[in-house]
Amino acid sequence: MSFDLKALLDRVAAGELGPAEAAGHIAAEMRDQPVEDLGFARIDHQRAQRQGFPEVVLGLGKSPEQIAAIAARIVARGHTLLVTRADPAAYDAVRAAVPAAQYHDVARAITCRMHEVPAGRGTIVIAAAGTSDLPVAEEAAVTAEVMGNAVDRLFDVGVAGLHRLLREHHRLRSARVIVVVAGMEGALPSVVAGLVSVPVIAVPTSVGYGASFHGLAALLGMLNSCANGVSVVNIDNGFGAGCISSLINHLD
């Protein structure tokens, strides 16, 4: 079971639980091993208490069996599961251990929501310049959704056809935070930031021809944006953008 200290204290305040019994629950939680050592991985079971969301599993470099073992232990503790950069073989292994797990093929992510998480205060818009950017954009979208946010997907609105973006200006204005995913020259975040008064998180992708240098050109372009309110994450880091957009959207 996932431990919720505030809910426990609320029950004490409401007279539903005595102080001695509550103290027993707290002592039992403290006795539980906060880090579970599987030999090849050490699972941080108190990540949610410190940071608001359980440990997220990066699938790259791990075998399907390793991913499945980690996933099973996370879910066994009552925590929501998010695995990024997972292939179908990893999903098959996880589903055998966690039947309720879902696979998001474009995002290459595995999720299993174990309980409701606090809802974000507004909408996160995920804007992608082109269809080739969708794997990274979907990774950001799935991450934001599993962390409790309403997501509005706005795809294929790159600067080569600026009218496609401008006709959706009302959707940009309705967002509390915007994630903008683009490869090539990486110009889209600057354009979006010039149209809105909310934070813009720019995600360069490795999409592009030779001189794009696998996303380096887009990264440098975004870092040198002349528009206010643009922050930049690493190349292809949809998860990082989804996570920070969620943190912003949960601020009071």
C-alpha atoms as a PDB file:
ATOM      1  CA  MET A   1       0.000   0.000   0.000  1.00  0.00           C
ATOM      2  CA  SER A   2       1.160   3.531  -0.747  1.00  0.00           C
ATOM      3  CA  PHE A   3       1.611   5.564   2.469  1.00  0.00           C
ATOM      4  CA  ASP A   4      -0.144   8.944   2.611  1.00  0.00           C
ATOM      5  CA  LEU A   5       0.816  10.781   5.792  1.00  0.00           C
ATOM      6  CA  LYS A   6      -1.587  13.682   5.246  1.00  0.00           C
ATOM      7  CA  ALA A   7      -4.536  11.329   4.735  1.00  0.00           C
ATOM      8  CA  LEU A   8      -3.588   9.507   7.931  1.00  0.00           C
ATOM      9  CA  LEU A   9      -3.431  12.749   9.914  1.00  0.00           C
ATOM     10  CA  ASP A  10      -6.741  13.872   8.409  1.00  0.00           C
ATOM     11  CA  ARG A  11      -8.331  10.689   9.752  1.00  0.00           C
ATOM     12  CA  VAL A  12      -6.927  11.426  13.205  1.00  0.00           C
ATOM     13  CA  ALA A  13      -8.271  14.994  13.065  1.00  0.00           C
ATOM     14  CA  ALA A  14     -11.690  13.696  12.014  1.00  0.00           C
ATOM     15  CA  GLY A  15     -11.775  11.249  14.903  1.00  0.00           C
ATOM     16  CA  GLU A  16     -11.750   8.212  12.617  1.00  0.00           C
ATOM     17  CA  LEU A  17      -8.406   6.968  13.939  1.00  0.00           C
ATOM     18  CA  GLY A  18      -6.818   7.187  17.367  1.00  0.00           C
ATOM     19  CA  PRO A  19      -3.357   8.709  17.908  1.00  0.00           C
ATOM     20  CA  ALA A  20      -1.905   5.399  19.098  1.00  0.00           C
ATOM     21  CA  GLU A  21      -3.124   3.540  16.037  1.00  0.00           C
ATOM     22  CA  ALA A  22      -1.835   6.313  13.776  1.00  0.00           C
ATOM     23  CA  ALA A  23       1.540   6.139  15.498  1.00  0.00           C
ATOM     24  CA  GLY A  24       1.599   2.407  14.764  1.00  0.00           C
ATOM     25  CA  HIS A  25       0.982   3.032  11.061  1.00  0.00           C
ATOM     26  CA  ILE A  26       3.793   5.593  10.972  1.00  0.00           C
ATOM     27  CA  ALA A  27       6.191   3.276  12.812  1.00  0.00           C
ATOM     28  CA  ALA A  28       5.382   0.436  10.417  1.00  0.00           C
ATOM     29  CA  GLU A  29       6.056   2.686   7.438  1.00  0.00           C
ATOM     30  CA  MET A  30       9.373   3.788   8.898  1.00  0.00           C
ATOM     31  CA  ARG A  31      10.380   0.157   9.398  1.00  0.00           C
ATOM     32  CA  ASP A  32       9.748  -0.622   5.746  1.00  0.00           C
ATOM     33  CA  GLN A  33      12.891  -0.629   3.681  1.00  0.00           C
ATOM     34  CA  PRO A  34      12.972   2.708   1.807  1.00  0.00           C
ATOM     35  CA  VAL A  35      15.407   1.320  -0.774  1.00  0.00           C
ATOM     36  CA  GLU A  36      14.831  -2.171  -2.154  1.00  0.00           C
ATOM     37  CA  ASP A  37      17.968  -3.828  -3.516  1.00  0.00           C
ATOM     38  CA  LEU A  38      17.338  -6.195  -6.429  1.00  0.00           C
ATOM     39  CA  GLY A  39      21.045  -6.688  -7.084  1.00  0.00           C
ATOM     40  CA  PHE A  40      20.947  -4.968 -10.470  1.00  0.00           C
ATOM     41  CA  ALA A  41      18.809  -2.040  -9.278  1.00  0.00           C
ATOM     42  CA  ARG A  42      18.036  -0.213  -6.037  1.00  0.00           C
ATOM     43  CA  ILE A  43      14.443   1.005  -6.044  1.00  0.00           C
ATOM     44  CA  ASP A  44      13.748   4.251  -4.205  1.00  0.00           C
ATOM     45  CA  HIS A  45      10.331   3.658  -2.655  1.00  0.00           C
ATOM     46  CA  GLN A  46      10.253   7.047  -0.922  1.00  0.00           C
ATOM     47  CA  ARG A  47      10.712   9.102  -4.091  1.00  0.00           C
ATOM     48  CA  ALA A  48       7.023  10.045  -4.166  1.00  0.00           C
ATOM     49  CA  GLN A  49       7.151  11.382  -0.609  1.00  0.00           C
ATOM     50  CA  ARG A  50      10.109  13.612  -1.435  1.00  0.00           C
ATOM     51  CA  GLN A  51       9.285  14.683  -4.983  1.00  0.00           C
ATOM     52  CA  GLY A  52       5.567  14.058  -5.478  1.00  0.00           C
ATOM     53  CA  PHE A  53       5.860  11.174  -7.954  1.00  0.00           C
ATOM     54  CA  PRO A  54       7.380   7.670  -7.721  1.00  0.00           C
ATOM     55  CA  GLU A  55      10.676   6.676  -9.272  1.00  0.00           C
ATOM     56  CA  VAL A  56      10.489   6.559 -13.083  1.00  0.00           C
ATOM     57  CA  VAL A  57      12.211   3.729 -14.935  1.00  0.00           C
ATOM     58  CA  LEU A  58      14.381   4.440 -17.985  1.00  0.00           C
ATOM     59  CA  GLY A  59      14.089   1.408 -20.238  1.00  0.00           C
ATOM     60  CA  LEU A  60      17.234   2.070 -22.268  1.00  0.00           C
ATOM     61  CA  GLY A  61      20.032  -0.377 -21.487  1.00  0.00           C
ATOM     62  CA  LYS A  62      17.859  -2.640 -19.346  1.00  0.00           C
ATOM     63  CA  SER A  63      16.692  -6.108 -20.336  1.00  0.00           C
ATOM     64  CA  PRO A  64      12.950  -6.841 -20.460  1.00  0.00           C
ATOM     65  CA  GLU A  65      13.361  -9.065 -17.420  1.00  0.00           C
ATOM     66  CA  GLN A  66      15.064  -6.298 -15.437  1.00  0.00           C
ATOM     67  CA  ILE A  67      12.381  -3.777 -16.367  1.00  0.00           C
ATOM     68  CA  ALA A  68       9.636  -6.215 -15.404  1.00  0.00           C
ATOM     69  CA  ALA A  69      11.229  -6.970 -12.032  1.00  0.00           C
ATOM     70  CA  ILE A  70      11.571  -3.282 -11.192  1.00  0.00           C
ATOM     71  CA  ALA A  71       8.038  -2.546 -12.373  1.00  0.00           C
ATOM     72  CA  ALA A  72       6.582  -5.350 -10.269  1.00  0.00           C
ATOM     73  CA  ARG A  73       8.195  -4.055  -7.092  1.00  0.00           C
ATOM     74  CA  ILE A  74       7.097  -0.459  -7.737  1.00  0.00           C
ATOM     75  CA  VAL A  75       3.487  -1.529  -8.267  1.00  0.00           C
ATOM     76  CA  ALA A  76       3.602  -3.911  -5.292  1.00  0.00           C
ATOM     77  CA  ARG A  77       4.233  -0.888  -3.057  1.00  0.00           C
ATOM     78  CA  GLY A  78       1.139   0.796  -4.474  1.00  0.00           C
ATOM     79  CA  HIS A  79       3.030   3.303  -6.606  1.00  0.00           C
ATOM     80  CA  THR A  80       2.112   4.460 -10.098  1.00  0.00           C
ATOM     81  CA  LEU A  81       4.406   3.059 -12.785  1.00  0.00           C
ATOM     82  CA  LEU A  82       6.052   4.966 -15.618  1.00  0.00           C
ATOM     83  CA  VAL A  83       8.681   3.341 -17.832  1.00  0.00           C
ATOM     84  CA  THR A  84      10.180   5.444 -20.624  1.00  0.00           C
ATOM     85  CA  ARG A  85      12.000   4.308 -23.793  1.00  0.00           C
ATOM     86  CA  ALA A  86      10.466   0.846 -23.599  1.00  0.00           C
ATOM     87  CA  ASP A  87      10.042  -1.480 -26.586  1.00  0.00           C
ATOM     88  CA  PRO A  88       7.258  -4.058 -27.116  1.00  0.00           C
ATOM     89  CA  ALA A  89       9.439  -6.850 -25.707  1.00  0.00           C
ATOM     90  CA  ALA A  90       9.792  -4.922 -22.460  1.00  0.00           C
ATOM     91  CA  TYR A  91       6.045  -4.366 -22.360  1.00  0.00           C
ATOM     92  CA  ASP A  92       5.344  -8.075 -22.817  1.00  0.00           C
ATOM     93  CA  ALA A  93       7.583  -8.834 -19.845  1.00  0.00           C
ATOM     94  CA  VAL A  94       6.029  -6.092 -17.709  1.00  0.00           C
ATOM     95  CA  ARG A  95       2.475  -7.136 -18.579  1.00  0.00           C
ATOM     96  CA  ALA A  96       3.224 -10.669 -17.382  1.00  0.00           C
ATOM     97  CA  ALA A  97       4.153  -9.237 -13.979  1.00  0.00           C
ATOM     98  CA  VAL A  98       1.736  -6.277 -13.974  1.00  0.00           C
ATOM     99  CA  PRO A  99      -1.369  -7.232 -16.018  1.00  0.00           C
ATOM    100  CA  ALA A 100      -2.902  -3.762 -15.724  1.00  0.00           C
ATOM    101  CA  ALA A 101       0.082  -2.095 -17.417  1.00  0.00           C
ATOM    102  CA  GLN A 102      -0.562  -0.161 -20.634  1.00  0.00           C
ATOM    103  CA  TYR A 103       1.760   0.445 -23.565  1.00  0.00           C
ATOM    104  CA  HIS A 104       1.884   3.760 -25.435  1.00  0.00           C
ATOM    105  CA  ASP A 105       3.558   2.783 -28.683  1.00  0.00           C
ATOM    106  CA  VAL A 106       4.336   6.216 -30.133  1.00  0.00           C
ATOM    107  CA  ALA A 107       5.701   7.465 -26.803  1.00  0.00           C
ATOM    108  CA  ARG A 108       7.473   4.131 -26.202  1.00  0.00           C
ATOM    109  CA  ALA A 109       6.219   4.255 -22.621  1.00  0.00           C
ATOM    110  CA  ILE A 110       4.625   1.835 -20.164  1.00  0.00           C
ATOM    111  CA  THR A 111       2.228   3.103 -17.499  1.00  0.00           C
ATOM    112  CA  CYS A 112       0.110   1.683 -14.705  1.00  0.00           C
ATOM    113  CA  ARG A 113      -1.795   4.201 -12.611  1.00  0.00           C
ATOM    114  CA  MET A 114      -2.313   2.793  -9.121  1.00  0.00           C
ATOM    115  CA  HIS A 115      -4.182   5.712  -7.596  1.00  0.00           C
ATOM    116  CA  GLU A 116      -5.346   9.205  -8.434  1.00  0.00           C
ATOM    117  CA  VAL A 117      -2.690  11.886  -8.230  1.00  0.00           C
ATOM    118  CA  PRO A 118      -3.354  15.550  -7.427  1.00  0.00           C
ATOM    119  CA  ALA A 119      -4.674  17.280 -10.532  1.00  0.00           C
ATOM    120  CA  GLY A 120      -2.770  20.108 -12.156  1.00  0.00           C
ATOM    121  CA  ARG A 121      -4.335  23.553 -12.019  1.00  0.00           C
ATOM    122  CA  GLY A 122      -4.615  24.107 -15.766  1.00  0.00           C
ATOM    123  CA  THR A 123      -3.896  22.638 -19.192  1.00  0.00           C
ATOM    124  CA  ILE A 124      -0.500  21.747 -20.607  1.00  0.00           C
ATOM    125  CA  VAL A 125      -0.268  22.209 -24.364  1.00  0.00           C
ATOM    126  CA  ILE A 126       2.199  19.904 -26.124  1.00  0.00           C
ATOM    127  CA  ALA A 127       3.043  21.434 -29.503  1.00  0.00           C
ATOM    128  CA  ALA A 128       5.085  19.494 -32.064  1.00  0.00           C
ATOM    129  CA  ALA A 129       6.597  21.066 -35.153  1.00  0.00           C
ATOM    130  CA  GLY A 130       6.270  17.990 -37.368  1.00  0.00           C
ATOM    131  CA  THR A 131       5.007  14.444 -37.426  1.00  0.00           C
ATOM    132  CA  SER A 132       8.589  13.185 -37.126  1.00  0.00           C
ATOM    133  CA  ASP A 133       8.739  14.836 -33.684  1.00  0.00           C
ATOM    134  CA  LEU A 134       5.766  12.863 -32.332  1.00  0.00           C
ATOM    135  CA  PRO A 135       7.704  10.183 -30.403  1.00  0.00           C
ATOM    136  CA  VAL A 136       9.300  12.876 -28.249  1.00  0.00           C
ATOM    137  CA  ALA A 137       6.091  14.925 -28.039  1.00  0.00           C
ATOM    138  CA  GLU A 138       4.079  11.880 -27.003  1.00  0.00           C
ATOM    139  CA  GLU A 139       6.658  10.989 -24.369  1.00  0.00           C
ATOM    140  CA  ALA A 140       6.111  14.461 -22.883  1.00  0.00           C
ATOM    141  CA  ALA A 141       2.330  14.125 -23.148  1.00  0.00           C
ATOM    142  CA  VAL A 142       2.126  10.674 -21.533  1.00  0.00           C
ATOM    143  CA  THR A 143       4.454  11.803 -18.748  1.00  0.00           C
ATOM    144  CA  ALA A 144       2.347  14.876 -18.020  1.00  0.00           C
ATOM    145  CA  GLU A 145      -0.885  12.885 -18.104  1.00  0.00           C
ATOM    146  CA  VAL A 146       0.242  10.156 -15.722  1.00  0.00           C
ATOM    147  CA  MET A 147       1.409  12.905 -13.354  1.00  0.00           C
ATOM    148  CA  GLY A 148      -2.140  14.240 -13.175  1.00  0.00           C
ATOM    149  CA  ASN A 149      -2.374  16.911 -15.851  1.00  0.00           C
ATOM    150  CA  ALA A 150      -4.848  17.749 -18.580  1.00  0.00           C
ATOM    151  CA  VAL A 151      -2.952  17.722 -21.890  1.00  0.00           C
ATOM    152  CA  ASP A 152      -3.891  19.364 -25.184  1.00  0.00           C
ATOM    153  CA  ARG A 153      -1.946  17.959 -28.137  1.00  0.00           C
ATOM    154  CA  LEU A 154      -1.176  20.398 -30.947  1.00  0.00           C
ATOM    155  CA  PHE A 155       0.761  18.584 -33.653  1.00  0.00           C
ATOM    156  CA  ASP A 156       2.318  19.471 -37.022  1.00  0.00           C
ATOM    157  CA  VAL A 157       2.364  23.242 -36.510  1.00  0.00           C
ATOM    158  CA  GLY A 158       5.961  23.989 -37.533  1.00  0.00           C
ATOM    159  CA  VAL A 159       7.231  27.307 -38.863  1.00  0.00           C
ATOM    160  CA  ALA A 160       7.295  26.099 -42.480  1.00  0.00           C
ATOM    161  CA  GLY A 161       3.521  26.600 -42.407  1.00  0.00           C
ATOM    162  CA  LEU A 162       3.059  29.269 -39.761  1.00  0.00           C
ATOM    163  CA  HIS A 163      -0.641  29.711 -40.537  1.00  0.00           C
ATOM    164  CA  ARG A 164      -1.258  26.264 -39.043  1.00  0.00           C
ATOM    165  CA  LEU A 165      -0.037  27.541 -35.676  1.00  0.00           C
ATOM    166  CA  LEU A 166      -1.731  30.945 -35.799  1.00  0.00           C
ATOM    167  CA  ARG A 167      -5.167  29.440 -36.409  1.00  0.00           C
ATOM    168  CA  GLU A 168      -4.760  27.604 -33.054  1.00  0.00           C
ATOM    169  CA  HIS A 169      -3.749  30.712 -31.124  1.00  0.00           C
ATOM    170  CA  HIS A 170      -6.725  30.345 -28.771  1.00  0.00           C
ATOM    171  CA  ARG A 171      -5.460  26.944 -27.636  1.00  0.00           C
ATOM    172  CA  LEU A 172      -2.046  28.396 -26.869  1.00  0.00           C
ATOM    173  CA  ARG A 173      -3.627  31.216 -24.858  1.00  0.00           C
ATOM    174  CA  SER A 174      -5.636  28.732 -22.786  1.00  0.00           C
ATOM    175  CA  ALA A 175      -2.537  26.864 -21.568  1.00  0.00           C
ATOM    176  CA  ARG A 176      -0.875  27.277 -18.190  1.00  0.00           C
ATOM    177  CA  VAL A 177       2.418  25.968 -19.594  1.00  0.00           C
ATOM    178  CA  ILE A 178       3.465  24.952 -23.113  1.00  0.00           C
ATOM    179  CA  VAL A 179       5.928  22.283 -24.220  1.00  0.00           C
ATOM    180  CA  VAL A 180       7.245  22.892 -27.735  1.00  0.00           C
ATOM    181  CA  VAL A 181       8.991  20.031 -29.531  1.00  0.00           C
ATOM    182  CA  ALA A 182      10.958  20.706 -32.722  1.00  0.00           C
ATOM    183  CA  GLY A 183      13.914  19.473 -34.727  1.00  0.00           C
ATOM    184  CA  MET A 184      15.592  20.985 -37.820  1.00  0.00           C
ATOM    185  CA  GLU A 185      16.491  24.617 -36.951  1.00  0.00           C
ATOM    186  CA  GLY A 186      14.408  24.583 -33.748  1.00  0.00           C
ATOM    187  CA  ALA A 187      12.624  27.895 -34.374  1.00  0.00           C
ATOM    188  CA  LEU A 188       9.130  27.003 -33.149  1.00  0.00           C
ATOM    189  CA  PRO A 189       9.613  27.656 -29.391  1.00  0.00           C
ATOM    190  CA  SER A 190      10.638  31.265 -30.061  1.00  0.00           C
ATOM    191  CA  VAL A 191       7.557  31.825 -32.200  1.00  0.00           C
ATOM    192  CA  VAL A 192       5.233  30.309 -29.585  1.00  0.00           C
ATOM    193  CA  ALA A 193       6.839  32.222 -26.715  1.00  0.00           C
ATOM    194  CA  GLY A 194       6.274  35.470 -28.589  1.00  0.00           C
ATOM    195  CA  LEU A 195       2.526  34.796 -28.632  1.00  0.00           C
ATOM    196  CA  VAL A 196       1.846  33.859 -24.988  1.00  0.00           C
ATOM    197  CA  SER A 197       2.545  34.954 -21.411  1.00  0.00           C
ATOM    198  CA  VAL A 198       3.135  31.507 -19.892  1.00  0.00           C
ATOM    199  CA  PRO A 199       6.313  29.409 -19.545  1.00  0.00           C
ATOM    200  CA  VAL A 200       7.502  27.655 -22.693  1.00  0.00           C
ATOM    201  CA  ILE A 201       9.611  24.514 -22.362  1.00  0.00           C
ATOM    202  CA  ALA A 202      11.569  23.864 -25.532  1.00  0.00           C
ATOM    203  CA  VAL A 203      12.539  20.316 -26.523  1.00  0.00           C
ATOM    204  CA  PRO A 204      15.023  19.926 -29.386  1.00  0.00           C
ATOM    205  CA  THR A 205      14.770  16.660 -31.280  1.00  0.00           C
ATOM    206  CA  SER A 206      17.339  14.762 -33.302  1.00  0.00           C
ATOM    207  CA  VAL A 207      15.142  15.071 -36.417  1.00  0.00           C
ATOM    208  CA  GLY A 208      16.886  16.728 -39.356  1.00  0.00           C
ATOM    209  CA  TYR A 209      19.431  16.374 -42.134  1.00  0.00           C
ATOM    210  CA  GLY A 210      23.237  16.351 -41.912  1.00  0.00           C
ATOM    211  CA  ALA A 211      23.995  19.817 -40.558  1.00  0.00           C
ATOM    212  CA  SER A 212      21.367  19.435 -37.840  1.00  0.00           C
ATOM    213  CA  PHE A 213      24.019  17.294 -36.085  1.00  0.00           C
ATOM    214  CA  HIS A 214      21.426  14.977 -34.514  1.00  0.00           C
ATOM    215  CA  GLY A 215      19.609  17.798 -32.747  1.00  0.00           C
ATOM    216  CA  LEU A 216      22.546  20.009 -31.809  1.00  0.00           C
ATOM    217  CA  ALA A 217      21.452  22.742 -34.249  1.00  0.00           C
ATOM    218  CA  ALA A 218      17.958  22.822 -32.728  1.00  0.00           C
ATOM    219  CA  LEU A 219      19.393  22.801 -29.199  1.00  0.00           C
ATOM    220  CA  LEU A 220      21.674  25.763 -29.892  1.00  0.00           C
ATOM    221  CA  GLY A 221      18.884  27.654 -31.635  1.00  0.00           C
ATOM    222  CA  MET A 222      16.567  27.195 -28.659  1.00  0.00           C
ATOM    223  CA  LEU A 223      19.257  28.154 -26.146  1.00  0.00           C
ATOM    224  CA  ASN A 224      19.776  31.370 -28.119  1.00  0.00           C
ATOM    225  CA  SER A 225      16.077  32.237 -28.329  1.00  0.00           C
ATOM    226  CA  CYS A 226      15.350  35.964 -28.271  1.00  0.00           C
ATOM    227  CA  ALA A 227      11.849  35.356 -26.849  1.00  0.00           C
ATOM    228  CA  ASN A 228      11.181  35.725 -23.132  1.00  0.00           C
ATOM    229  CA  GLY A 229      10.130  32.776 -20.999  1.00  0.00           C
ATOM    230  CA  VAL A 230      11.810  29.931 -22.899  1.00  0.00           C
ATOM    231  CA  SER A 231      13.661  27.197 -21.022  1.00  0.00           C
ATOM    232  CA  VAL A 232      15.322  24.271 -22.774  1.00  0.00           C
ATOM    233  CA  VAL A 233      15.762  20.597 -21.924  1.00  0.00           C
ATOM    234  CA  ASN A 234      18.121  18.099 -23.503  1.00  0.00           C
ATOM    235  CA  ILE A 235      17.807  16.673 -27.020  1.00  0.00           C
ATOM    236  CA  ASP A 236      14.853  14.246 -27.329  1.00  0.00           C
ATOM    237  CA  ASN A 237      14.072  14.608 -23.602  1.00  0.00           C
ATOM    238  CA  GLY A 238      10.294  14.486 -23.752  1.00  0.00           C
ATOM    239  CA  PHE A 239      10.144  12.972 -20.275  1.00  0.00           C
ATOM    240  CA  GLY A 240      12.071  15.873 -18.762  1.00  0.00           C
ATOM    241  CA  ALA A 241       9.770  18.395 -20.419  1.00  0.00           C
ATOM    242  CA  GLY A 242       6.653  16.543 -19.294  1.00  0.00           C
ATOM    243  CA  CYS A 243       7.951  16.369 -15.732  1.00  0.00           C
ATOM    244  CA  ILE A 244       8.886  20.056 -15.377  1.00  0.00           C
ATOM    245  CA  SER A 245       5.643  21.150 -17.054  1.00  0.00           C
ATOM    246  CA  SER A 246       3.762  19.084 -14.475  1.00  0.00           C
ATOM    247  CA  LEU A 247       5.648  20.710 -11.612  1.00  0.00           C
ATOM    248  CA  ILE A 248       4.805  24.162 -12.986  1.00  0.00           C
ATOM    249  CA  ASN A 249       1.158  23.219 -13.498  1.00  0.00           C
ATOM    250  CA  HIS A 250       0.857  22.057  -9.874  1.00  0.00           C
ATOM    251  CA  LEU A 251       2.172  25.329  -8.417  1.00  0.00           C
ATOM    252  CA  ASP A 252      -0.348  27.411  -6.475  1.00  0.00           C
END
